[in-house]
Amino acid sequence: MPTDEEVEHRIEDVDAPRTARRKAAAQQVNQLAQRRAAIVAQLEDVEGQLGEIVADAEDVISIEELARFTDLKASDLTEWVTGRKTSRSKRKKPAGSKLGTRSRSSSQTNGRSGDPAPAPPARDLQVAQLT
C-alpha cells in the first residue's frame, strides 16, 4: 500500500499536464484580451478623429457628399459624428427620460398595463435626429 506522500505525488503527476494547459490557456486569453483592449482603444480614437473632421467640415461638405466621394457609407460617417458628440457629453439623463438606460429584461414594465417597455436604442435615435 502506498504512503500518503506517494499518493500525493501520483495525483500531482496526473494533474500536472492539465494544470499546465489551464495555465497556458488562461495566459493566452489574458494576453489576447489585453491586445484586443488596446486595439479597441485605438479604433475608438480613430473614429473620434474621423467624427471631429466630419463635424468640422459639415459647413463645406455634407455627409452624403463625403460618402459619395470616399465610397464610405453615410451611416458610418453619421455614426462617427454622433459618437463624437455623445462621448463628449457625459451628463446623466433625467430619471423619467425615454432615452434612459432601462434594462431590456422582461421583468421591467412601463408602469401602465404591465407590458414590457424596452427603451429604444439611443444610437438609433441620435442618428434619426441627424437625418
Protein backbone atom coordinates (compact mmCIF):
# COMPACT_ATOMS: atom_id res chain seq x y z
CA MET A 1 0.00 0.00 0.00
CA PRO A 2 1.42 3.46 -0.93
CA THR A 3 2.22 6.08 1.64
CA ASP A 4 0.33 9.37 1.79
CA GLU A 5 3.28 11.11 0.12
CA GLU A 6 3.31 8.60 -2.74
CA VAL A 7 -0.43 9.15 -3.29
CA GLU A 8 0.12 12.91 -3.32
CA HIS A 9 2.94 12.60 -5.88
CA ARG A 10 0.86 10.33 -8.10
CA ILE A 11 -2.00 12.82 -8.09
CA GLU A 12 0.37 15.69 -8.85
CA ASP A 13 1.88 13.71 -11.73
CA VAL A 14 -1.57 13.06 -13.21
CA ASP A 15 -2.75 16.67 -12.68
CA ALA A 16 0.44 18.37 -13.94
CA PRO A 17 -0.37 18.28 -17.69
CA ARG A 18 -3.92 19.56 -17.09
CA THR A 19 -2.65 22.32 -14.80
CA ALA A 20 -0.06 23.35 -17.39
CA ARG A 21 -2.72 23.52 -20.13
CA ARG A 22 -5.09 25.52 -17.90
CA LYS A 23 -2.30 27.95 -17.04
CA ALA A 24 -1.30 28.33 -20.70
CA ALA A 25 -4.91 28.85 -21.81
CA ALA A 26 -5.55 31.48 -19.13
CA GLN A 27 -2.34 33.34 -20.01
CA GLN A 28 -3.09 33.29 -23.75
CA VAL A 29 -6.65 34.53 -23.22
CA ASN A 30 -5.40 37.27 -20.91
CA GLN A 31 -2.72 38.41 -23.39
CA LEU A 32 -5.13 38.45 -26.32
CA ALA A 33 -7.78 40.27 -24.27
CA GLN A 34 -5.23 42.96 -23.37
CA ARG A 35 -4.21 43.23 -27.02
CA ARG A 36 -7.86 43.47 -28.06
CA ALA A 37 -8.50 46.22 -25.50
CA ALA A 38 -5.58 48.22 -26.90
CA ILE A 39 -6.85 47.80 -30.47
CA VAL A 40 -10.38 48.83 -29.45
CA ALA A 41 -8.95 51.95 -27.78
CA GLN A 42 -7.03 52.79 -30.97
CA LEU A 43 -10.15 52.25 -33.07
CA GLU A 44 -12.19 54.49 -30.78
CA ASP A 45 -9.51 57.16 -31.09
CA VAL A 46 -9.52 56.95 -34.90
CA GLU A 47 -13.32 57.04 -35.01
CA GLY A 48 -13.29 60.07 -32.72
CA GLN A 49 -10.84 61.84 -35.03
CA LEU A 50 -13.00 60.93 -38.03
CA GLY A 51 -16.06 62.31 -36.24
CA GLU A 52 -14.26 65.55 -35.44
CA ILE A 53 -13.11 66.02 -39.02
CA VAL A 54 -16.52 65.26 -40.48
CA ALA A 55 -18.27 67.53 -37.97
CA ASP A 56 -15.80 70.36 -38.55
CA ALA A 57 -16.27 70.09 -42.31
CA GLU A 58 -20.08 69.87 -42.33
CA ASP A 59 -20.33 73.55 -43.24
CA VAL A 60 -18.48 72.92 -46.51
CA ILE A 61 -19.32 69.30 -47.37
CA SER A 62 -22.32 67.21 -46.43
CA ILE A 63 -22.16 63.69 -45.13
CA GLU A 64 -23.83 62.48 -48.33
CA GLU A 65 -21.14 64.17 -50.44
CA LEU A 66 -18.38 62.71 -48.28
CA ALA A 67 -19.94 59.29 -48.64
CA ARG A 68 -20.10 59.67 -52.42
CA PHE A 69 -16.52 60.93 -52.75
CA THR A 70 -14.96 58.42 -50.34
CA ASP A 71 -17.10 55.34 -51.04
CA LEU A 72 -17.93 55.20 -47.33
CA LYS A 73 -21.42 54.61 -46.02
CA ALA A 74 -23.23 57.75 -44.94
CA SER A 75 -24.42 55.79 -41.91
CA ASP A 76 -20.80 55.18 -40.87
CA LEU A 77 -19.95 58.86 -41.24
CA THR A 78 -23.05 59.81 -39.26
CA GLU A 79 -22.21 57.28 -36.57
CA TRP A 80 -18.72 58.74 -36.19
CA VAL A 81 -20.12 62.26 -35.84
CA THR A 82 -22.78 61.06 -33.41
CA GLY A 83 -20.28 59.02 -31.42
CA ARG A 84 -18.01 62.01 -31.14
CA LYS A 85 -20.80 64.13 -29.73
CA THR A 86 -22.05 61.53 -27.26
CA SER A 87 -18.61 60.68 -25.96
CA ARG A 88 -18.05 64.32 -25.06
CA SER A 89 -21.20 64.92 -23.06
CA LYS A 90 -21.26 62.70 -20.02
CA ARG A 91 -24.35 64.15 -18.40
CA LYS A 92 -26.81 61.83 -16.81
CA LYS A 93 -30.25 61.72 -18.35
CA PRO A 94 -33.24 62.59 -16.14
CA ALA A 95 -34.86 59.60 -14.45
CA GLY A 96 -38.08 59.98 -16.44
CA SER A 97 -36.31 60.32 -19.78
CA LYS A 98 -37.33 57.90 -22.52
CA LEU A 99 -33.67 57.71 -23.54
CA GLY A 100 -32.66 56.37 -20.14
CA THR A 101 -30.72 53.21 -19.65
CA ARG A 102 -33.54 50.82 -18.92
CA SER A 103 -32.80 47.17 -18.88
CA ARG A 104 -34.44 45.18 -21.64
CA SER A 105 -35.42 42.40 -19.29
CA SER A 106 -38.98 41.20 -19.49
CA SER A 107 -39.42 41.73 -15.78
CA GLN A 108 -39.49 45.51 -16.19
CA THR A 109 -42.75 47.14 -17.09
CA ASN A 110 -43.77 50.56 -18.25
CA GLY A 111 -45.96 51.13 -15.19
CA ARG A 112 -49.22 51.16 -17.16
CA SER A 113 -50.56 47.83 -18.31
CA GLY A 114 -47.77 45.58 -17.11
CA ASP A 115 -46.37 45.13 -20.62
CA PRO A 116 -42.61 45.26 -21.08
CA ALA A 117 -41.42 48.65 -22.32
CA PRO A 118 -37.92 48.28 -23.78
CA ALA A 119 -36.10 51.56 -24.20
CA PRO A 120 -35.28 52.40 -27.83
CA PRO A 121 -31.59 52.20 -28.68
CA ALA A 122 -30.04 55.61 -28.06
CA ARG A 123 -27.78 55.37 -31.12
CA ASP A 124 -30.75 54.90 -33.49
CA LEU A 125 -32.49 57.94 -32.04
CA GLN A 126 -29.38 60.07 -32.39
CA VAL A 127 -28.87 59.05 -35.99
CA ALA A 128 -32.55 59.64 -36.75
CA GLN A 129 -32.31 63.14 -35.29
CA LEU A 130 -29.44 63.98 -37.64
CA THR A 131 -31.30 62.97 -40.78
